[in-house]
Structure formats: C-alpha cells, structure tokens
C-alpha atoms as a PDB file:
ATOM      1  CA  MET A   1      61.030 -63.022  69.385  1.00  0.00           C
ATOM      2  CA  LYS A   2      59.634 -59.875  70.856  1.00  0.00           C
ATOM      3  CA  ILE A   3      57.278 -59.969  73.758  1.00  0.00           C
ATOM      4  CA  VAL A   4      54.006 -58.285  72.953  1.00  0.00           C
ATOM      5  CA  ASN A   5      52.789 -55.977  75.666  1.00  0.00           C
ATOM      6  CA  LYS A   6      49.309 -56.180  77.227  1.00  0.00           C
ATOM      7  CA  LYS A   7      48.033 -53.057  75.522  1.00  0.00           C
ATOM      8  CA  THR A   8      48.687 -54.444  72.056  1.00  0.00           C
ATOM      9  CA  LEU A   9      46.988 -57.768  72.915  1.00  0.00           C
ATOM     10  CA  ILE A  10      43.868 -55.993  74.179  1.00  0.00           C
ATOM     11  CA  ILE A  11      43.657 -53.945  70.968  1.00  0.00           C
ATOM     12  CA  ILE A  12      44.058 -57.057  68.772  1.00  0.00           C
ATOM     13  CA  PHE A  13      41.417 -59.057  70.711  1.00  0.00           C
ATOM     14  CA  SER A  14      39.010 -56.093  70.675  1.00  0.00           C
ATOM     15  CA  PHE A  15      39.440 -55.759  66.915  1.00  0.00           C
ATOM     16  CA  ILE A  16      38.761 -59.516  66.416  1.00  0.00           C
ATOM     17  CA  ILE A  17      35.641 -59.384  68.629  1.00  0.00           C
ATOM     18  CA  ILE A  18      34.257 -56.364  66.714  1.00  0.00           C
ATOM     19  CA  ILE A  19      34.805 -58.170  63.400  1.00  0.00           C
ATOM     20  CA  LEU A  20      33.056 -61.326  64.691  1.00  0.00           C
ATOM     21  CA  ILE A  21      30.096 -59.299  65.997  1.00  0.00           C
ATOM     22  CA  PHE A  22      29.772 -57.467  62.661  1.00  0.00           C
ATOM     23  CA  ILE A  23      29.842 -60.768  60.730  1.00  0.00           C
ATOM     24  CA  GLY A  24      27.250 -62.353  63.068  1.00  0.00           C
ATOM     25  CA  VAL A  25      24.852 -59.410  62.827  1.00  0.00           C
ATOM     26  CA  ASN A  26      25.014 -59.282  59.027  1.00  0.00           C
ATOM     27  CA  ALA A  27      24.637 -63.059  58.710  1.00  0.00           C
ATOM     28  CA  GLY A  28      21.325 -62.927  60.645  1.00  0.00           C
ATOM     29  CA  LYS A  29      19.755 -60.321  58.380  1.00  0.00           C
ATOM     30  CA  THR A  30      17.483 -61.319  55.499  1.00  0.00           C
ATOM     31  CA  ASN A  31      16.486 -59.249  52.534  1.00  0.00           C
ATOM     32  CA  SER A  32      13.176 -57.758  53.726  1.00  0.00           C
ATOM     33  CA  SER A  33      12.183 -56.474  50.269  1.00  0.00           C
ATOM     34  CA  LEU A  34      12.228 -60.046  48.943  1.00  0.00           C
ATOM     35  CA  ASN A  35      10.051 -61.205  51.833  1.00  0.00           C
ATOM     36  CA  ASN A  36       7.557 -58.417  51.128  1.00  0.00           C
ATOM     37  CA  GLN A  37       7.429 -59.365  47.468  1.00  0.00           C
ATOM     38  CA  GLU A  38       6.560 -62.937  48.427  1.00  0.00           C
ATOM     39  CA  VAL A  39       3.740 -61.763  50.694  1.00  0.00           C
ATOM     40  CA  TYR A  40       2.219 -59.282  48.256  1.00  0.00           C
ATOM     41  CA  ALA A  41       1.769 -60.870  44.841  1.00  0.00           C
ATOM     42  CA  ASN A  42       0.581 -57.615  43.216  1.00  0.00           C
ATOM     43  CA  GLN A  43       3.550 -55.587  44.440  1.00  0.00           C
ATOM     44  CA  LYS A  44       6.029 -54.375  41.862  1.00  0.00           C
ATOM     45  CA  PRO A  45       9.635 -55.522  42.472  1.00  0.00           C
ATOM     46  CA  ASP A  46      11.048 -52.022  42.826  1.00  0.00           C
ATOM     47  CA  GLU A  47       8.165 -50.641  44.925  1.00  0.00           C
ATOM     48  CA  LEU A  48       8.983 -49.633  48.490  1.00  0.00           C
ATOM     49  CA  SER A  49       6.580 -50.869  51.143  1.00  0.00           C
ATOM     50  CA  PHE A  50       6.247 -50.806  54.903  1.00  0.00           C
ATOM     51  CA  ILE A  51       4.443 -53.225  57.183  1.00  0.00           C
ATOM     52  CA  MET A  52       3.403 -51.591  60.440  1.00  0.00           C
ATOM     53  CA  ALA A  53       1.219 -52.504  63.369  1.00  0.00           C
ATOM     54  CA  GLY A  54      -1.026 -50.017  65.089  1.00  0.00           C
ATOM     55  CA  LYS A  55      -4.506 -48.617  65.505  1.00  0.00           C
ATOM     56  CA  VAL A  56      -6.148 -46.255  63.023  1.00  0.00           C
ATOM     57  CA  ASP A  57      -8.856 -43.920  64.304  1.00  0.00           C
ATOM     58  CA  ALA A  58     -11.259 -42.039  62.073  1.00  0.00           C
ATOM     59  CA  ILE A  59     -11.301 -38.259  62.207  1.00  0.00           C
ATOM     60  CA  GLU A  60     -15.094 -38.209  62.047  1.00  0.00           C
ATOM     61  CA  SER A  61     -17.497 -40.961  63.037  1.00  0.00           C
ATOM     62  CA  ALA A  62     -21.181 -41.344  63.812  1.00  0.00           C
ATOM     63  CA  ASP A  63     -23.273 -43.820  65.752  1.00  0.00           C
ATOM     64  CA  ILE A  64     -26.343 -45.146  63.978  1.00  0.00           C
ATOM     65  CA  SER A  65     -29.520 -46.711  65.306  1.00  0.00           C
ATOM     66  CA  SER A  66     -32.904 -47.714  63.954  1.00  0.00           C
ATOM     67  CA  LYS A  67     -36.435 -47.180  65.184  1.00  0.00           C
ATOM     68  CA  THR A  68     -37.221 -50.886  64.961  1.00  0.00           C
ATOM     69  CA  SER A  69     -35.320 -54.018  65.818  1.00  0.00           C
ATOM     70  CA  GLY A  70     -34.752 -56.962  63.532  1.00  0.00           C
ATOM     71  CA  LYS A  71     -32.218 -58.871  61.502  1.00  0.00           C
ATOM     72  CA  ILE A  72     -30.179 -57.010  58.907  1.00  0.00           C
ATOM     73  CA  ALA A  73     -31.143 -58.342  55.493  1.00  0.00           C
ATOM     74  CA  GLU A  74     -28.771 -56.181  53.441  1.00  0.00           C
ATOM     75  CA  LEU A  75     -25.696 -54.147  54.388  1.00  0.00           C
ATOM     76  CA  ASN A  76     -24.849 -51.531  51.769  1.00  0.00           C
ATOM     77  CA  VAL A  77     -21.635 -50.056  53.257  1.00  0.00           C
ATOM     78  CA  ASP A  78     -18.390 -51.356  54.713  1.00  0.00           C
ATOM     79  CA  VAL A  79     -16.368 -50.117  57.656  1.00  0.00           C
ATOM     80  CA  GLY A  80     -14.580 -46.949  56.603  1.00  0.00           C
ATOM     81  CA  SER A  81     -16.963 -46.111  53.748  1.00  0.00           C
ATOM     82  CA  VAL A  82     -17.803 -42.467  53.134  1.00  0.00           C
ATOM     83  CA  VAL A  83     -21.556 -41.905  53.376  1.00  0.00           C
ATOM     84  CA  ARG A  84     -23.804 -38.908  52.895  1.00  0.00           C
ATOM     85  CA  LYS A  85     -27.037 -37.860  54.532  1.00  0.00           C
ATOM     86  CA  GLY A  86     -29.911 -39.908  53.125  1.00  0.00           C
ATOM     87  CA  ASP A  87     -27.808 -42.903  51.998  1.00  0.00           C
ATOM     88  CA  VAL A  88     -29.378 -46.288  52.766  1.00  0.00           C
ATOM     89  CA  LEU A  89     -26.848 -48.038  55.011  1.00  0.00           C
ATOM     90  CA  ALA A  90     -28.760 -51.260  55.668  1.00  0.00           C
ATOM     91  CA  ARG A  91     -32.136 -52.882  55.216  1.00  0.00           C
ATOM     92  CA  ILE A  92     -33.907 -54.664  58.057  1.00  0.00           C
ATOM     93  CA  ASP A  93     -35.741 -57.941  57.389  1.00  0.00           C
ATOM     94  CA  MET A  94     -39.395 -57.175  58.112  1.00  0.00           C
ATOM     95  CA  LYS A  95     -40.664 -60.780  58.043  1.00  0.00           C
ATOM     96  CA  GLU A  96     -40.733 -60.969  61.847  1.00  0.00           C
ATOM     97  CA  VAL A  97     -42.704 -57.738  62.363  1.00  0.00           C
ATOM     98  CA  PRO A  98     -46.196 -59.243  61.763  1.00  0.00           C
ATOM     99  CA  ALA A  99     -45.410 -62.008  64.262  1.00  0.00           C
ATOM    100  CA  GLN A 100     -44.323 -59.401  66.818  1.00  0.00           C
ATOM    101  CA  VAL A 101     -47.534 -57.442  66.222  1.00  0.00           C
ATOM    102  CA  ASN A 102     -49.612 -60.611  66.722  1.00  0.00           C
ATOM    103  CA  GLN A 103     -47.755 -61.386  69.938  1.00  0.00           C
ATOM    104  CA  ALA A 104     -48.343 -57.856  71.249  1.00  0.00           C
ATOM    105  CA  GLN A 105     -52.036 -58.079  70.348  1.00  0.00           C
ATOM    106  CA  SER A 106     -52.325 -61.419  72.182  1.00  0.00           C
ATOM    107  CA  THR A 107     -50.748 -59.847  75.263  1.00  0.00           C
ATOM    108  CA  ILE A 108     -53.286 -56.995  75.100  1.00  0.00           C
ATOM    109  CA  ASP A 109     -56.185 -59.480  74.737  1.00  0.00           C
ATOM    110  CA  ILE A 110     -54.998 -61.462  77.780  1.00  0.00           C
ATOM    111  CA  ALA A 111     -54.689 -58.241  79.805  1.00  0.00           C
ATOM    112  CA  ASN A 112     -58.257 -57.250  78.806  1.00  0.00           C
ATOM    113  CA  VAL A 113     -59.607 -60.664  79.885  1.00  0.00           C
ATOM    114  CA  ASN A 114     -57.821 -60.335  83.242  1.00  0.00           C
ATOM    115  CA  LEU A 115     -59.227 -56.810  83.654  1.00  0.00           C
ATOM    116  CA  ASN A 116     -62.782 -58.026  82.926  1.00  0.00           C
ATOM    117  CA  ASN A 117     -62.388 -60.893  85.430  1.00  0.00           C
ATOM    118  CA  ALA A 118     -61.151 -58.478  88.094  1.00  0.00           C
ATOM    119  CA  GLN A 119     -64.030 -56.061  87.433  1.00  0.00           C
ATOM    120  CA  ASN A 120     -66.586 -58.910  87.618  1.00  0.00           C
ATOM    121  CA  SER A 121     -65.092 -60.167  90.897  1.00  0.00           C
ATOM    122  CA  TYR A 122     -65.170 -56.644  92.351  1.00  0.00           C
ATOM    123  CA  ASN A 123     -68.791 -56.079  91.254  1.00  0.00           C
ATOM    124  CA  ARG A 124     -69.891 -59.447  92.729  1.00  0.00           C
ATOM    125  CA  ALA A 125     -68.118 -58.709  96.019  1.00  0.00           C
ATOM    126  CA  LEU A 126     -69.729 -55.240  96.137  1.00  0.00           C
ATOM    127  CA  GLU A 127     -73.200 -56.726  95.559  1.00  0.00           C
ATOM    128  CA  LEU A 128     -72.673 -59.283  98.355  1.00  0.00           C
ATOM    129  CA  TYR A 129     -71.404 -56.578 100.722  1.00  0.00           C
ATOM    130  CA  GLN A 130     -74.346 -54.271 100.002  1.00  0.00           C
ATOM    131  CA  ALA A 131     -76.797 -57.158 100.473  1.00  0.00           C
ATOM    132  CA  GLY A 132     -75.249 -57.922 103.850  1.00  0.00           C
ATOM    133  CA  GLN A 133     -74.105 -61.347 102.815  1.00  0.00           C
ATOM    134  CA  TRP A 134     -70.429 -60.485 102.887  1.00  0.00           C
ATOM    135  CA  GLN A 135     -68.649 -61.870 105.914  1.00  0.00           C
ATOM    136  CA  LYS A 136     -67.428 -58.946 107.989  1.00  0.00           C
ATOM    137  CA  LYS A 137     -64.724 -60.888 109.824  1.00  0.00           C
ATOM    138  CA  PRO A 138     -61.934 -62.327 107.744  1.00  0.00           C
ATOM    139  CA  TRP A 139     -61.714 -66.056 107.577  1.00  0.00           C
ATOM    140  CA  LYS A 140     -59.188 -67.646 109.839  1.00  0.00           C
ATOM    141  CA  VAL A 141     -56.499 -69.514 108.096  1.00  0.00           C
ATOM    142  CA  GLN A 142     -55.818 -72.796 109.783  1.00  0.00           C
ATOM    143  CA  ARG A 143     -52.372 -74.181 109.554  1.00  0.00           C
ATOM    144  CA  ASN A 144     -51.370 -77.746 110.077  1.00  0.00           C
ATOM    145  CA  SER A 145     -48.799 -77.668 112.854  1.00  0.00           C
END
C-alpha cells in the first residue's frame, strides 16, 4: 500500500468540500418563477417578471390647494393620474359653510355689542368728568393683609 502524500490529500479534501458546498447551495434554491406564478394569478406561465423594492418619483408634480376648507365629498383622481388644466380633481362638501357663516356673523354681532358698551361707558365717564363729578384721585385699592 502506497503512502499518499500531503499534497494529494489536500487536493482530495478540497475537491470534496467544493462538491458539498455546491450541493448545499443548489439544495437551498427554490424555483422563483413558480413562486411568482402563485402570487400573481393573472400572470402567464411563461411570462418573465421581477419583484423589486424601491421608491418611484414622478418627473412632474404639482401641489394643489383650495380657497375654502371643508371635507372632500368626491375625489375624481387617484395618485399618479394624468390631469389637465381645468379638470375637476375633487368636490368639497358645502353643507358646513352656512354654519360657518352663521358662526362668523355671531362673532361680529358680539363684537358690535362690546363696542357699543365700551362707547356708552366712555360717553358716561366723559359726561361725569365734564360735570365735575368724576373723582380726580384714583380710588385706593385696599388689600387684606
């Protein structure tokens, strides 16, 4: 029986390790086209597809705003839709506008009442001052110590 030298043993073990690694790597792989066909029911069996993750940015975009606030009653476009100048993008529910107008009018009425009270107080104080009945020295505020 011949004695095998070290160089030959290293080559044989290296070859066995490479074969085992190749078998292990191929055993872990699954057929990705079959998995894609299970995910996408409408996909044709021989159609090539790719699943990728990432962020898509539009080449052109525009910010929109409205002159009034309110709830959107109807949205006529989706994200990514192509629109032209003059297209109606959304409709605002106008049911709350009369209530907002009434609230604003009530605030104006209250402000007018406060203004009239202030004017009446000023006129009364002016009349008392001109008649000499207005106290020239300010009242002393007494504090409980």
